[in-house]
């Protein structure tokens, strides 16, 4: 059985976020959020950088090797459909840091640029 995608859809990685990681644009803001979460689980800084809006993208992205992402909860979405130009996704991403469980709760903003969804910024809750 193929490995399930870390984003929580229950689909195999290759048919889910793996498609976005291989270059197929995410069709919705939520799909981009899920693919970015999965990129964090895989320490794929190239994908995270590529899907970050150029106006807010950091010059360098370094991930904490002691942070291990365990699961994602999508709490709400607003807009972000294939016909929208903006959207928001509220999520809680669970992780362990140096063996201690914790979570990140964020309301993320996304925008479409040249028909590609990009992460713009977010507010920590």
N, C-alpha and C. Protein backbone atom coordinates (compact mmCIF):
# COMPACT_ATOMS: atom_id res chain seq x y z
N UNK A 1 0.85 -1.18 0.00
CA UNK A 1 0.00 0.00 0.00
C UNK A 1 0.89 1.25 0.00
N UNK A 2 0.63 2.21 -0.89
CA UNK A 2 1.46 3.42 -0.94
C UNK A 2 1.31 4.25 0.33
N UNK A 3 2.35 4.99 0.70
CA UNK A 3 2.26 5.81 1.91
C UNK A 3 1.20 6.90 1.77
N UNK A 4 0.46 7.13 2.85
CA UNK A 4 -0.57 8.17 2.88
C UNK A 4 0.09 9.54 2.98
N UNK A 5 -0.58 10.51 2.43
CA UNK A 5 -0.07 11.88 2.45
C UNK A 5 -0.13 12.44 3.87
N UNK A 6 0.93 13.10 4.32
CA UNK A 6 0.93 13.70 5.65
C UNK A 6 -0.14 14.77 5.87
N UNK A 7 -0.70 15.32 4.79
CA UNK A 7 -1.64 16.44 4.92
C UNK A 7 -2.99 16.04 5.49
N UNK A 8 -3.25 14.75 5.60
CA UNK A 8 -4.47 14.30 6.25
C UNK A 8 -5.65 13.99 5.37
N UNK A 9 -5.50 14.03 4.06
CA UNK A 9 -6.64 13.72 3.18
C UNK A 9 -6.94 12.22 3.15
N UNK A 10 -5.94 11.41 3.48
CA UNK A 10 -6.11 9.97 3.39
C UNK A 10 -5.68 9.40 2.05
N UNK A 11 -5.35 10.27 1.10
CA UNK A 11 -4.91 9.84 -0.22
C UNK A 11 -3.42 9.50 -0.20
N UNK A 12 -2.97 8.67 -1.12
CA UNK A 12 -1.53 8.41 -1.23
C UNK A 12 -0.77 9.70 -1.55
N UNK A 13 0.40 9.83 -0.97
CA UNK A 13 1.22 11.03 -1.19
C UNK A 13 1.39 11.33 -2.68
N UNK A 14 1.69 10.33 -3.48
CA UNK A 14 1.96 10.55 -4.91
C UNK A 14 0.76 11.16 -5.64
N UNK A 15 -0.46 10.83 -5.18
CA UNK A 15 -1.67 11.34 -5.83
C UNK A 15 -2.21 12.60 -5.17
N UNK A 16 -1.58 13.03 -4.10
CA UNK A 16 -2.07 14.17 -3.33
C UNK A 16 -1.01 15.29 -3.43
N UNK A 17 -0.36 15.58 -2.34
CA UNK A 17 0.63 16.66 -2.32
C UNK A 17 1.84 16.38 -3.19
N UNK A 18 2.11 15.12 -3.45
CA UNK A 18 3.22 14.77 -4.34
C UNK A 18 3.06 15.39 -5.71
N UNK A 19 1.83 15.51 -6.18
CA UNK A 19 1.60 16.15 -7.48
C UNK A 19 2.05 17.60 -7.46
N UNK A 20 1.68 18.33 -6.41
CA UNK A 20 2.09 19.73 -6.29
C UNK A 20 3.61 19.83 -6.15
N UNK A 21 4.19 18.94 -5.38
CA UNK A 21 5.64 18.97 -5.19
C UNK A 21 6.39 18.68 -6.49
N UNK A 22 5.76 17.95 -7.39
CA UNK A 22 6.37 17.66 -8.69
C UNK A 22 6.09 18.76 -9.72
N UNK A 23 5.28 19.79 -9.37
CA UNK A 23 5.09 20.93 -10.27
C UNK A 23 3.68 21.21 -10.73
N UNK A 24 2.71 20.37 -10.40
CA UNK A 24 1.32 20.65 -10.76
C UNK A 24 0.78 21.71 -9.80
N UNK A 25 0.31 22.86 -10.30
CA UNK A 25 -0.18 23.91 -9.40
C UNK A 25 -1.36 23.43 -8.55
N UNK A 26 -1.37 23.83 -7.30
CA UNK A 26 -2.48 23.51 -6.41
C UNK A 26 -3.73 24.22 -6.92
N UNK A 27 -4.88 23.52 -6.99
CA UNK A 27 -6.08 24.13 -7.55
C UNK A 27 -6.78 25.11 -6.60
N UNK A 28 -6.53 24.99 -5.29
CA UNK A 28 -7.19 25.84 -4.30
C UNK A 28 -6.19 26.30 -3.26
N UNK A 29 -6.58 27.32 -2.50
CA UNK A 29 -5.73 27.78 -1.40
C UNK A 29 -5.56 26.67 -0.36
N UNK A 30 -6.63 25.92 -0.08
CA UNK A 30 -6.50 24.82 0.89
C UNK A 30 -5.54 23.75 0.38
N UNK A 31 -5.62 23.42 -0.88
CA UNK A 31 -4.69 22.42 -1.44
C UNK A 31 -3.25 22.90 -1.32
N UNK A 32 -3.03 24.21 -1.54
CA UNK A 32 -1.68 24.74 -1.39
C UNK A 32 -1.26 24.66 0.08
N UNK A 33 -2.18 25.01 1.00
CA UNK A 33 -1.86 24.92 2.42
C UNK A 33 -1.45 23.50 2.78
N UNK A 34 -2.22 22.53 2.33
CA UNK A 34 -1.90 21.13 2.62
C UNK A 34 -0.54 20.73 2.03
N UNK A 35 -0.27 21.17 0.81
CA UNK A 35 1.00 20.80 0.18
C UNK A 35 2.18 21.47 0.88
N UNK A 36 1.97 22.66 1.39
CA UNK A 36 3.03 23.34 2.14
C UNK A 36 3.27 22.65 3.48
N UNK A 37 2.20 22.23 4.15
CA UNK A 37 2.37 21.47 5.39
C UNK A 37 3.20 20.22 5.10
N UNK A 38 2.82 19.50 4.06
CA UNK A 38 3.55 18.29 3.70
C UNK A 38 5.00 18.60 3.39
N UNK A 39 5.26 19.74 2.75
CA UNK A 39 6.64 20.14 2.48
C UNK A 39 7.41 20.37 3.79
N UNK A 40 6.73 20.92 4.80
CA UNK A 40 7.38 21.06 6.10
C UNK A 40 7.73 19.70 6.67
N UNK A 41 6.84 18.72 6.53
CA UNK A 41 7.12 17.38 7.08
C UNK A 41 8.30 16.74 6.37
N UNK A 42 8.55 17.13 5.13
CA UNK A 42 9.63 16.55 4.32
C UNK A 42 10.87 17.45 4.26
N UNK A 43 10.83 18.59 4.98
CA UNK A 43 11.93 19.57 4.97
C UNK A 43 12.26 20.03 3.55
N UNK A 44 11.22 20.23 2.75
CA UNK A 44 11.38 20.64 1.35
C UNK A 44 11.35 22.16 1.25
N UNK A 45 12.47 22.79 1.59
CA UNK A 45 12.53 24.25 1.59
C UNK A 45 12.40 24.83 0.18
N UNK A 46 12.81 24.09 -0.84
CA UNK A 46 12.68 24.59 -2.21
C UNK A 46 11.20 24.79 -2.57
N UNK A 47 10.35 23.82 -2.22
CA UNK A 47 8.92 23.95 -2.51
C UNK A 47 8.31 25.08 -1.67
N UNK A 48 8.68 25.17 -0.40
CA UNK A 48 8.14 26.23 0.45
C UNK A 48 8.51 27.60 -0.11
N UNK A 49 9.72 27.76 -0.54
CA UNK A 49 10.16 29.04 -1.11
C UNK A 49 9.44 29.33 -2.42
N UNK A 50 9.31 28.34 -3.26
CA UNK A 50 8.66 28.51 -4.56
C UNK A 50 7.18 28.89 -4.44
N UNK A 51 6.53 28.46 -3.36
CA UNK A 51 5.09 28.72 -3.20
C UNK A 51 4.82 29.87 -2.24
N UNK A 52 5.83 30.66 -1.94
CA UNK A 52 5.71 31.83 -1.07
C UNK A 52 5.70 33.07 -1.96
N UNK A 53 4.77 33.97 -1.73
CA UNK A 53 4.66 35.18 -2.56
C UNK A 53 5.97 35.96 -2.51
N UNK A 54 6.45 36.45 -3.65
CA UNK A 54 7.76 37.14 -3.66
C UNK A 54 7.81 38.39 -2.79
N UNK A 55 6.66 39.04 -2.53
CA UNK A 55 6.66 40.24 -1.69
C UNK A 55 6.88 39.94 -0.21
N UNK A 56 6.61 38.71 0.22
CA UNK A 56 6.73 38.38 1.64
C UNK A 56 7.69 37.21 1.90
N UNK A 57 8.24 36.64 0.86
CA UNK A 57 9.15 35.49 0.97
C UNK A 57 10.44 35.91 1.67
N UNK A 58 10.88 35.12 2.65
CA UNK A 58 12.16 35.43 3.30
C UNK A 58 13.32 35.15 2.35
N UNK A 59 14.41 35.86 2.57
CA UNK A 59 15.60 35.67 1.73
C UNK A 59 16.17 34.27 1.91
N UNK A 60 16.09 33.74 3.14
CA UNK A 60 16.60 32.41 3.45
C UNK A 60 15.58 31.71 4.34
N UNK A 61 15.40 30.44 4.12
CA UNK A 61 14.47 29.65 4.93
C UNK A 61 15.23 28.49 5.54
N UNK A 62 15.29 28.47 6.86
CA UNK A 62 15.96 27.40 7.58
C UNK A 62 14.93 26.74 8.49
N UNK A 63 14.80 25.43 8.39
CA UNK A 63 13.85 24.69 9.22
C UNK A 63 14.58 24.09 10.42
N UNK A 64 13.87 24.00 11.53
CA UNK A 64 14.42 23.45 12.76
C UNK A 64 14.43 21.92 12.66
N UNK A 65 15.59 21.29 12.66
CA UNK A 65 15.64 19.83 12.53
C UNK A 65 15.05 19.09 13.73
N UNK A 66 14.84 19.79 14.85
CA UNK A 66 14.25 19.17 16.03
C UNK A 66 12.72 19.27 16.06
N UNK A 67 12.14 19.88 15.02
CA UNK A 67 10.69 20.02 14.94
C UNK A 67 10.16 18.97 13.96
N UNK A 68 9.31 18.08 14.47
CA UNK A 68 8.76 16.99 13.66
C UNK A 68 7.24 17.12 13.61
N UNK A 69 6.72 17.42 12.43
CA UNK A 69 5.30 17.65 12.23
C UNK A 69 4.55 16.32 12.27
N UNK A 70 3.44 16.28 13.00
CA UNK A 70 2.73 15.02 13.19
C UNK A 70 1.37 14.96 12.50
N UNK A 71 0.60 16.05 12.51
CA UNK A 71 -0.67 16.05 11.77
C UNK A 71 -1.23 17.46 11.63
N UNK A 72 -2.13 17.58 10.68
CA UNK A 72 -2.70 18.87 10.30
C UNK A 72 -4.21 18.83 10.47
N UNK A 73 -4.75 19.91 11.02
CA UNK A 73 -6.20 20.10 11.09
C UNK A 73 -6.55 21.37 10.32
N UNK A 74 -7.44 21.26 9.35
CA UNK A 74 -7.97 22.45 8.68
C UNK A 74 -9.20 22.86 9.46
N UNK A 75 -9.19 24.06 10.02
CA UNK A 75 -10.30 24.53 10.86
C UNK A 75 -11.35 25.28 10.07
N UNK A 76 -10.92 26.05 9.07
CA UNK A 76 -11.88 26.77 8.22
C UNK A 76 -11.17 27.27 6.96
N UNK A 77 -11.96 27.52 5.96
CA UNK A 77 -11.45 28.14 4.73
C UNK A 77 -12.45 29.21 4.31
N UNK A 78 -11.93 30.23 3.66
CA UNK A 78 -12.79 31.26 3.08
C UNK A 78 -12.25 31.58 1.70
N UNK A 79 -13.14 31.50 0.71
CA UNK A 79 -12.76 31.71 -0.70
C UNK A 79 -11.63 30.73 -1.04
N UNK A 80 -10.71 31.14 -1.92
CA UNK A 80 -9.59 30.27 -2.27
C UNK A 80 -9.94 29.16 -3.25
N UNK A 81 -11.06 29.30 -3.96
CA UNK A 81 -11.45 28.29 -4.95
C UNK A 81 -10.68 28.53 -6.25
N UNK A 82 -10.81 27.63 -7.22
CA UNK A 82 -10.11 27.84 -8.49
C UNK A 82 -10.48 29.13 -9.22
N UNK A 83 -11.61 29.74 -8.88
CA UNK A 83 -12.02 30.98 -9.56
C UNK A 83 -11.76 32.23 -8.73
N UNK A 84 -11.29 32.08 -7.49
CA UNK A 84 -10.99 33.23 -6.63
C UNK A 84 -9.56 33.72 -6.87
N UNK A 85 -9.30 34.94 -6.39
CA UNK A 85 -7.94 35.48 -6.46
C UNK A 85 -7.29 35.54 -5.09
N UNK A 86 -8.09 35.42 -4.03
CA UNK A 86 -7.57 35.39 -2.67
C UNK A 86 -8.31 34.33 -1.87
N UNK A 87 -7.73 33.95 -0.77
CA UNK A 87 -8.38 33.00 0.11
C UNK A 87 -7.66 32.92 1.43
N UNK A 88 -8.35 32.40 2.44
CA UNK A 88 -7.74 32.18 3.74
C UNK A 88 -7.98 30.74 4.18
N UNK A 89 -7.04 30.24 4.95
CA UNK A 89 -7.16 28.91 5.54
C UNK A 89 -6.70 29.02 6.99
N UNK A 90 -7.60 28.64 7.90
CA UNK A 90 -7.23 28.57 9.30
C UNK A 90 -6.90 27.12 9.61
N UNK A 91 -5.78 26.91 10.25
CA UNK A 91 -5.33 25.54 10.50
C UNK A 91 -4.64 25.43 11.84
N UNK A 92 -4.51 24.21 12.29
CA UNK A 92 -3.68 23.88 13.44
C UNK A 92 -2.76 22.75 12.99
N UNK A 93 -1.47 23.01 13.05
CA UNK A 93 -0.46 22.01 12.68
C UNK A 93 0.22 21.52 13.95
N UNK A 94 0.16 20.24 14.17
CA UNK A 94 0.72 19.64 15.39
C UNK A 94 2.13 19.12 15.12
N UNK A 95 2.97 19.25 16.12
CA UNK A 95 4.34 18.81 15.98
C UNK A 95 4.92 18.43 17.34
N UNK A 96 6.09 17.80 17.30
CA UNK A 96 6.89 17.55 18.48
C UNK A 96 8.19 18.33 18.29
N UNK A 97 8.60 19.03 19.33
CA UNK A 97 9.87 19.73 19.30
C UNK A 97 10.70 19.21 20.47
N UNK A 98 11.81 18.60 20.14
CA UNK A 98 12.69 17.98 21.14
C UNK A 98 11.88 17.06 22.06
N UNK A 99 10.95 16.31 21.46
CA UNK A 99 10.17 15.32 22.18
C UNK A 99 8.91 15.84 22.85
N UNK A 100 8.67 17.14 22.81
CA UNK A 100 7.50 17.74 23.48
C UNK A 100 6.44 18.11 22.44
N UNK A 101 5.18 17.69 22.66
CA UNK A 101 4.12 18.03 21.71
C UNK A 101 3.73 19.50 21.81
N UNK A 102 3.37 20.06 20.67
CA UNK A 102 2.90 21.45 20.61
C UNK A 102 2.12 21.60 19.31
N UNK A 103 1.62 22.80 19.07
CA UNK A 103 0.91 23.05 17.81
C UNK A 103 1.05 24.50 17.39
N UNK A 104 0.85 24.73 16.12
CA UNK A 104 0.85 26.06 15.53
C UNK A 104 -0.55 26.31 15.01
N UNK A 105 -1.20 27.36 15.48
CA UNK A 105 -2.54 27.73 15.04
C UNK A 105 -2.39 29.04 14.26
N UNK A 106 -2.78 29.02 12.98
CA UNK A 106 -2.56 30.19 12.12
C UNK A 106 -3.73 30.40 11.19
N UNK A 107 -4.00 31.65 10.89
CA UNK A 107 -4.90 32.03 9.81
C UNK A 107 -4.01 32.52 8.68
N UNK A 108 -3.90 31.72 7.63
CA UNK A 108 -3.00 32.02 6.51
C UNK A 108 -3.77 32.69 5.38
N UNK A 109 -3.11 33.63 4.73
CA UNK A 109 -3.67 34.32 3.57
C UNK A 109 -2.93 33.87 2.31
N UNK A 110 -3.71 33.64 1.27
CA UNK A 110 -3.18 33.17 -0.01
C UNK A 110 -3.68 34.08 -1.12
N UNK A 111 -2.90 34.16 -2.17
CA UNK A 111 -3.29 34.94 -3.34
C UNK A 111 -2.85 34.18 -4.59
N UNK A 112 -3.53 34.48 -5.68
CA UNK A 112 -3.13 33.85 -6.95
C UNK A 112 -2.33 34.84 -7.76
N UNK A 113 -1.23 34.37 -8.29
CA UNK A 113 -0.34 35.16 -9.13
C UNK A 113 -0.02 34.31 -10.34
N UNK A 114 -0.34 34.81 -11.52
CA UNK A 114 -0.11 34.05 -12.76
C UNK A 114 -0.73 32.65 -12.68
N UNK A 115 -1.95 32.59 -12.17
CA UNK A 115 -2.71 31.34 -12.06
C UNK A 115 -2.11 30.31 -11.10
N UNK A 116 -1.26 30.75 -10.19
CA UNK A 116 -0.68 29.86 -9.17
C UNK A 116 -1.02 30.42 -7.80
N UNK A 117 -1.55 29.57 -6.93
CA UNK A 117 -1.77 29.97 -5.55
C UNK A 117 -0.43 30.11 -4.85
N UNK A 118 -0.30 31.18 -4.05
CA UNK A 118 0.92 31.43 -3.28
C UNK A 118 0.54 31.81 -1.84
N UNK A 119 1.36 31.37 -0.91
CA UNK A 119 1.21 31.80 0.48
C UNK A 119 1.65 33.25 0.57
N UNK A 120 0.80 34.10 1.17
CA UNK A 120 1.14 35.51 1.32
C UNK A 120 1.69 35.77 2.72
N UNK A 121 0.88 35.50 3.74
CA UNK A 121 1.29 35.68 5.12
C UNK A 121 0.25 35.06 6.04
N UNK A 122 0.47 35.19 7.33
CA UNK A 122 -0.48 34.59 8.26
C UNK A 122 -0.42 35.25 9.63
N UNK A 123 -1.49 35.07 10.38
CA UNK A 123 -1.58 35.56 11.74
C UNK A 123 -1.62 34.35 12.68
N UNK A 124 -0.68 34.32 13.61
CA UNK A 124 -0.65 33.26 14.62
C UNK A 124 -1.80 33.53 15.59
N UNK A 125 -2.51 32.46 15.90
CA UNK A 125 -3.66 32.57 16.82
C UNK A 125 -3.28 32.10 18.20
